[in-house]
Amino acid sequence: MNSLKIKTIEDYLSEGKSPEILFWVGCAGSFDDRAKKITKAFVKILNSANISFAVLGKDESCTGDPAKRAGNEFLFQMQAISNIELLNSFNIETIVTTCPHCFNTLKNEYPELGGNYKVYHHTQFINKLLENNRFSIEGGEYKGKKITYHDPCFLGRANNEYNAPRNLIKKLDAELSELKRCKSKALCCGAGGAQMFKEPEKGRKEINIERSDEIKDNSAKIVATGCPFCNTMLTDGTKSFNPEDKVEVLDIAELIVKAKDL
């Protein structure tokens, strides 16, 4: 990460400054090797747009989303209150995250515990940068190519955000080839509700395989998503594809970085 400009919130405070945003990296973006690539891609975009941002670094903890989805409300509140006390001590106002699970929890579940922030998913924030002429996307590597998009549950159905990621794909001058089940009728990747952390239950077919079969039926060879969990599940689900059906699963931030050669 030597080429990336990253400061912690303590770095800003020691300089007597405040960052524009706090980048909430999330557990996946911090520890999962595949999701780290998404983290780096988004940082490259922030650097390219000259956004002053901070991370919590070693002080960042889990939002508590997995605990809450698994039914452990007590553990969730312990984690959430600890995070809120930390965020409030730094006077954080705006948070951006690449994980829809973190996004949903910070945006919708922290306020009742005293954590009130402006929270953006990274696709929403990148769109905001485009609208304010602080960043630009011009076709590049994906111009004219077919890209399909998988809607993460906590970004789409839970928060009604369908346009931001699609707008970014279209800005790449790519052809958006929708899956049969998309937007409000999209199918979960199989990781939601803390299912990411347990073995699948018995059934006709695992959900990520069902979703991957729908991807195989689409003519696009690139699958975009905006969630590290979805990325993992769809990558695993498409591993068994024959060579002629092979697809590449990428986060939208990664698509933009590749297109702009950042």
Protein backbone atom coordinates (compact mmCIF):
# COMPACT_ATOMS: atom_id res chain seq x y z
CA MET A 1 0.00 0.00 0.00
CA ASN A 2 3.04 2.28 -0.28
CA SER A 3 1.60 4.03 -3.33
CA LEU A 4 -1.71 4.70 -1.59
CA LYS A 5 -2.28 7.75 0.58
CA ILE A 6 -4.02 6.62 3.75
CA LYS A 7 -4.23 8.46 7.06
CA THR A 8 -5.84 7.46 10.33
CA ILE A 9 -8.17 9.79 12.18
CA GLU A 10 -5.40 10.26 14.77
CA ASP A 11 -3.10 11.55 11.99
CA TYR A 12 -5.61 14.27 11.16
CA LEU A 13 -6.18 15.21 14.78
CA SER A 14 -2.43 15.52 15.38
CA GLU A 15 -2.33 17.99 12.47
CA GLY A 16 -5.30 19.92 13.84
CA LYS A 17 -7.37 19.00 10.79
CA SER A 18 -10.56 17.06 10.02
CA PRO A 19 -11.10 14.72 7.06
CA GLU A 20 -14.05 15.13 4.68
CA ILE A 21 -15.12 11.56 5.31
CA LEU A 22 -14.37 8.52 7.42
CA PHE A 23 -13.81 5.42 5.29
CA TRP A 24 -15.27 2.51 7.25
CA VAL A 25 -13.27 -0.42 5.84
CA GLY A 26 -15.24 -3.25 7.45
CA CYS A 27 -14.12 -6.70 8.56
CA ALA A 28 -14.07 -8.19 5.05
CA GLY A 29 -12.24 -5.22 3.58
CA SER A 30 -9.67 -5.39 6.37
CA PHE A 31 -9.00 -9.11 6.69
CA ASP A 32 -10.22 -11.02 3.62
CA ASP A 33 -7.54 -11.15 0.92
CA ARG A 34 -10.03 -10.80 -1.93
CA ALA A 35 -11.94 -7.95 -0.28
CA LYS A 36 -8.68 -6.10 0.43
CA LYS A 37 -8.43 -5.55 -3.33
CA ILE A 38 -11.79 -3.75 -3.22
CA THR A 39 -10.53 -1.60 -0.33
CA LYS A 40 -7.43 -0.66 -2.31
CA ALA A 41 -9.49 0.12 -5.41
CA PHE A 42 -11.75 2.51 -3.53
CA VAL A 43 -8.74 4.20 -1.90
CA LYS A 44 -7.27 4.75 -5.37
CA ILE A 45 -10.50 6.47 -6.41
CA LEU A 46 -10.47 8.67 -3.29
CA ASN A 47 -6.84 9.57 -3.93
CA SER A 48 -7.55 10.34 -7.60
CA ALA A 49 -10.42 12.64 -6.59
CA ASN A 50 -8.24 14.34 -3.93
CA ILE A 51 -10.67 13.46 -1.15
CA SER A 52 -9.31 13.89 2.36
CA PHE A 53 -10.38 10.74 4.17
CA ALA A 54 -9.41 8.91 7.31
CA VAL A 55 -9.68 5.34 8.53
CA LEU A 56 -9.96 4.22 12.14
CA GLY A 57 -7.18 1.68 11.65
CA LYS A 58 -6.66 -0.56 14.68
CA ASP A 59 -9.54 1.19 16.44
CA GLU A 60 -12.13 -0.03 13.92
CA SER A 61 -14.26 -2.94 15.11
CA CYS A 62 -17.14 -4.95 13.65
CA THR A 63 -20.38 -2.97 13.33
CA GLY A 64 -22.23 -5.85 14.99
CA ASP A 65 -24.23 -6.76 11.88
CA PRO A 66 -23.43 -10.52 11.95
CA ALA A 67 -24.33 -10.75 15.64
CA LYS A 68 -27.65 -8.99 15.08
CA ARG A 69 -28.58 -11.11 12.04
CA ALA A 70 -27.71 -14.25 13.99
CA GLY A 71 -30.09 -13.15 16.77
CA ASN A 72 -27.62 -11.99 19.40
CA GLU A 73 -29.04 -8.53 20.09
CA PHE A 74 -27.04 -8.15 23.32
CA LEU A 75 -23.70 -8.61 21.53
CA PHE A 76 -24.82 -6.30 18.73
CA GLN A 77 -25.63 -3.50 21.15
CA MET A 78 -22.32 -3.95 22.98
CA GLN A 79 -20.41 -3.66 19.68
CA ALA A 80 -22.53 -0.81 18.36
CA ILE A 81 -22.35 1.32 21.52
CA SER A 82 -18.58 0.88 21.69
CA ASN A 83 -18.27 2.02 18.05
CA ILE A 84 -20.63 4.95 18.55
CA GLU A 85 -18.69 6.22 21.56
CA LEU A 86 -15.50 6.08 19.49
CA LEU A 87 -17.03 7.77 16.42
CA ASN A 88 -18.63 10.49 18.52
CA SER A 89 -15.37 11.14 20.35
CA PHE A 90 -13.82 11.96 16.96
CA ASN A 91 -16.85 14.09 15.93
CA ILE A 92 -17.39 11.97 12.83
CA GLU A 93 -20.16 13.30 10.59
CA THR A 94 -19.85 11.44 7.26
CA ILE A 95 -19.03 7.77 6.76
CA VAL A 96 -18.47 5.88 3.50
CA THR A 97 -18.18 2.11 3.29
CA THR A 98 -17.75 -0.51 0.57
CA CYS A 99 -19.87 -3.04 2.48
CA PRO A 100 -23.70 -2.84 2.27
CA HIS A 101 -23.97 -4.70 5.59
CA CYS A 102 -21.90 -2.04 7.35
CA PHE A 103 -23.77 0.64 5.38
CA ASN A 104 -27.19 -0.61 6.48
CA THR A 105 -26.20 -1.04 10.12
CA LEU A 106 -24.46 2.34 10.46
CA LYS A 107 -27.23 4.15 8.58
CA ASN A 108 -30.36 2.54 9.96
CA GLU A 109 -29.55 0.89 13.29
CA TYR A 110 -26.99 3.14 14.95
CA PRO A 111 -29.22 6.25 15.25
CA GLU A 112 -31.46 4.72 17.93
CA LEU A 113 -28.32 4.04 19.98
CA GLY A 114 -26.98 7.58 19.62
CA GLY A 115 -24.95 7.26 16.41
CA ASN A 116 -26.22 9.80 13.89
CA TYR A 117 -24.11 10.11 10.75
CA LYS A 118 -24.43 10.72 7.03
CA VAL A 119 -23.69 7.27 5.65
CA TYR A 120 -22.94 6.45 2.01
CA HIS A 121 -22.27 3.25 0.13
CA HIS A 122 -19.19 3.73 -2.02
CA THR A 123 -21.21 3.61 -5.26
CA GLN A 124 -23.39 6.45 -3.95
CA PHE A 125 -20.33 8.45 -2.94
CA ILE A 126 -18.58 7.96 -6.30
CA ASN A 127 -21.76 9.14 -8.02
CA LYS A 128 -21.70 12.20 -5.77
CA LEU A 129 -18.12 12.90 -6.84
CA LEU A 130 -19.19 12.70 -10.49
CA GLU A 131 -22.08 15.09 -9.92
CA ASN A 132 -19.74 17.59 -8.24
CA ASN A 133 -17.13 17.25 -11.01
CA ARG A 134 -14.53 15.94 -8.59
CA PHE A 135 -14.04 12.71 -10.50
CA SER A 136 -14.66 11.49 -14.04
CA ILE A 137 -15.15 8.17 -15.80
CA GLU A 138 -14.58 7.82 -19.52
CA GLY A 139 -15.22 4.36 -20.95
CA GLY A 140 -11.78 2.85 -21.11
CA GLU A 141 -11.26 -0.89 -21.03
CA TYR A 142 -14.97 -1.70 -20.71
CA LYS A 143 -16.30 0.46 -23.52
CA GLY A 144 -18.91 -1.53 -25.45
CA LYS A 145 -18.52 -4.64 -23.28
CA LYS A 146 -21.48 -6.39 -21.66
CA ILE A 147 -21.56 -6.22 -17.88
CA THR A 148 -24.27 -7.69 -15.69
CA TYR A 149 -24.97 -6.48 -12.16
CA HIS A 150 -25.92 -8.41 -9.04
CA ASP A 151 -27.91 -6.35 -6.51
CA PRO A 152 -26.66 -6.78 -2.92
CA CYS A 153 -29.68 -7.27 -0.64
CA PHE A 154 -28.69 -4.63 1.91
CA LEU A 155 -28.07 -2.02 -0.77
CA GLY A 156 -31.05 -2.81 -2.96
CA ARG A 157 -34.12 -4.11 -1.19
CA ALA A 158 -33.10 -2.91 2.28
CA ASN A 159 -32.15 0.63 1.23
CA ASN A 160 -33.78 1.04 -2.18
CA GLU A 161 -30.50 1.92 -3.93
CA TYR A 162 -30.59 0.52 -7.44
CA ASN A 163 -29.50 3.47 -9.56
CA ALA A 164 -26.06 4.45 -8.24
CA PRO A 165 -24.20 1.28 -9.22
CA ARG A 166 -25.97 1.04 -12.56
CA ASN A 167 -25.17 4.65 -13.34
CA LEU A 168 -21.47 3.94 -12.78
CA ILE A 169 -21.55 0.91 -15.09
CA LYS A 170 -23.17 3.00 -17.81
CA LYS A 171 -20.56 5.74 -17.27
CA LEU A 172 -17.97 3.16 -18.28
CA ASP A 173 -19.70 3.12 -21.71
CA ALA A 174 -20.49 -0.53 -21.05
CA GLU A 175 -23.70 -2.32 -22.01
CA LEU A 176 -25.66 -3.25 -18.89
CA SER A 177 -27.14 -6.70 -19.37
CA GLU A 178 -29.63 -7.24 -16.54
CA LEU A 179 -30.16 -10.58 -14.85
CA LYS A 180 -33.70 -11.98 -15.01
CA ARG A 181 -34.09 -11.44 -11.28
CA CYS A 182 -32.83 -7.95 -10.54
CA LYS A 183 -33.57 -4.82 -8.50
CA SER A 184 -36.45 -5.43 -6.08
CA LYS A 185 -36.81 -9.02 -7.37
CA ALA A 186 -33.10 -9.84 -7.16
CA LEU A 187 -31.95 -13.10 -5.58
CA CYS A 188 -29.67 -13.09 -2.52
CA CYS A 189 -26.12 -14.38 -3.03
CA GLY A 190 -26.62 -16.68 -0.05
CA ALA A 191 -24.44 -14.85 2.50
CA GLY A 192 -27.04 -12.55 4.09
CA GLY A 193 -28.49 -12.98 7.57
CA ALA A 194 -25.11 -14.18 8.91
CA GLN A 195 -25.31 -17.20 6.56
CA MET A 196 -21.78 -16.29 5.43
CA PHE A 197 -20.45 -17.76 8.66
CA LYS A 198 -22.22 -21.11 8.78
CA GLU A 199 -22.53 -24.23 6.70
CA PRO A 200 -25.48 -24.33 4.28
CA GLU A 201 -28.61 -26.16 5.35
CA LYS A 202 -29.95 -29.12 3.41
CA GLY A 203 -31.95 -28.23 0.33
CA ARG A 204 -32.31 -28.66 -3.41
CA LYS A 205 -29.48 -26.28 -4.27
CA GLU A 206 -27.22 -23.76 -2.52
CA ILE A 207 -28.33 -20.18 -3.11
CA ASN A 208 -25.03 -19.00 -4.57
CA ILE A 209 -25.18 -21.86 -7.09
CA GLU A 210 -28.75 -20.91 -8.01
CA ARG A 211 -27.67 -17.31 -8.55
CA SER A 212 -24.57 -18.37 -10.48
CA ASP A 213 -26.73 -20.46 -12.82
CA GLU A 214 -28.71 -17.30 -13.59
CA ILE A 215 -25.44 -15.54 -14.35
CA LYS A 216 -24.47 -18.36 -16.71
CA ASP A 217 -27.72 -17.79 -18.61
CA ASN A 218 -26.74 -14.16 -19.15
CA SER A 219 -24.45 -13.31 -22.08
CA ALA A 220 -22.19 -10.98 -20.05
CA LYS A 221 -18.76 -12.26 -19.06
CA ILE A 222 -18.27 -9.65 -16.35
CA VAL A 223 -20.35 -9.63 -13.16
CA ALA A 224 -20.31 -6.40 -11.16
CA THR A 225 -21.42 -6.13 -7.58
CA GLY A 226 -20.99 -3.77 -4.64
CA CYS A 227 -20.56 -6.12 -1.70
CA PRO A 228 -17.56 -8.18 -0.54
CA PHE A 229 -19.86 -10.99 0.62
CA CYS A 230 -21.60 -11.16 -2.76
CA ASN A 231 -18.21 -11.11 -4.44
CA THR A 232 -17.07 -14.16 -2.46
CA MET A 233 -20.29 -16.12 -2.94
CA LEU A 234 -20.54 -15.48 -6.67
CA THR A 235 -16.86 -16.20 -7.23
CA ASP A 236 -17.29 -19.53 -5.46
CA GLY A 237 -20.52 -20.26 -7.31
CA THR A 238 -19.02 -19.67 -10.75
CA LYS A 239 -15.86 -21.74 -10.20
CA SER A 240 -17.49 -24.83 -11.69
CA PHE A 241 -18.37 -23.11 -14.98
CA ASN A 242 -17.02 -24.59 -18.18
CA PRO A 243 -14.32 -22.47 -19.88
CA GLU A 244 -16.78 -21.04 -22.41
CA ASP A 245 -19.03 -19.84 -19.55
CA LYS A 246 -16.28 -18.34 -17.37
CA VAL A 247 -17.07 -14.93 -15.90
CA GLU A 248 -15.09 -12.35 -13.94
CA VAL A 249 -16.62 -11.11 -10.68
CA LEU A 250 -15.55 -7.56 -9.81
CA ASP A 251 -16.62 -4.81 -7.45
CA ILE A 252 -17.70 -1.62 -9.21
CA ALA A 253 -14.74 0.22 -7.66
CA GLU A 254 -12.42 -2.32 -9.28
CA LEU A 255 -14.11 -1.81 -12.66
CA ILE A 256 -13.55 1.94 -12.41
CA VAL A 257 -9.91 1.57 -11.38
CA LYS A 258 -9.21 -0.81 -14.26
CA ALA A 259 -11.03 1.40 -16.75
CA LYS A 260 -9.09 4.49 -15.64
CA ASP A 261 -5.83 2.59 -15.13
CA LEU A 262 -5.39 4.09 -11.66
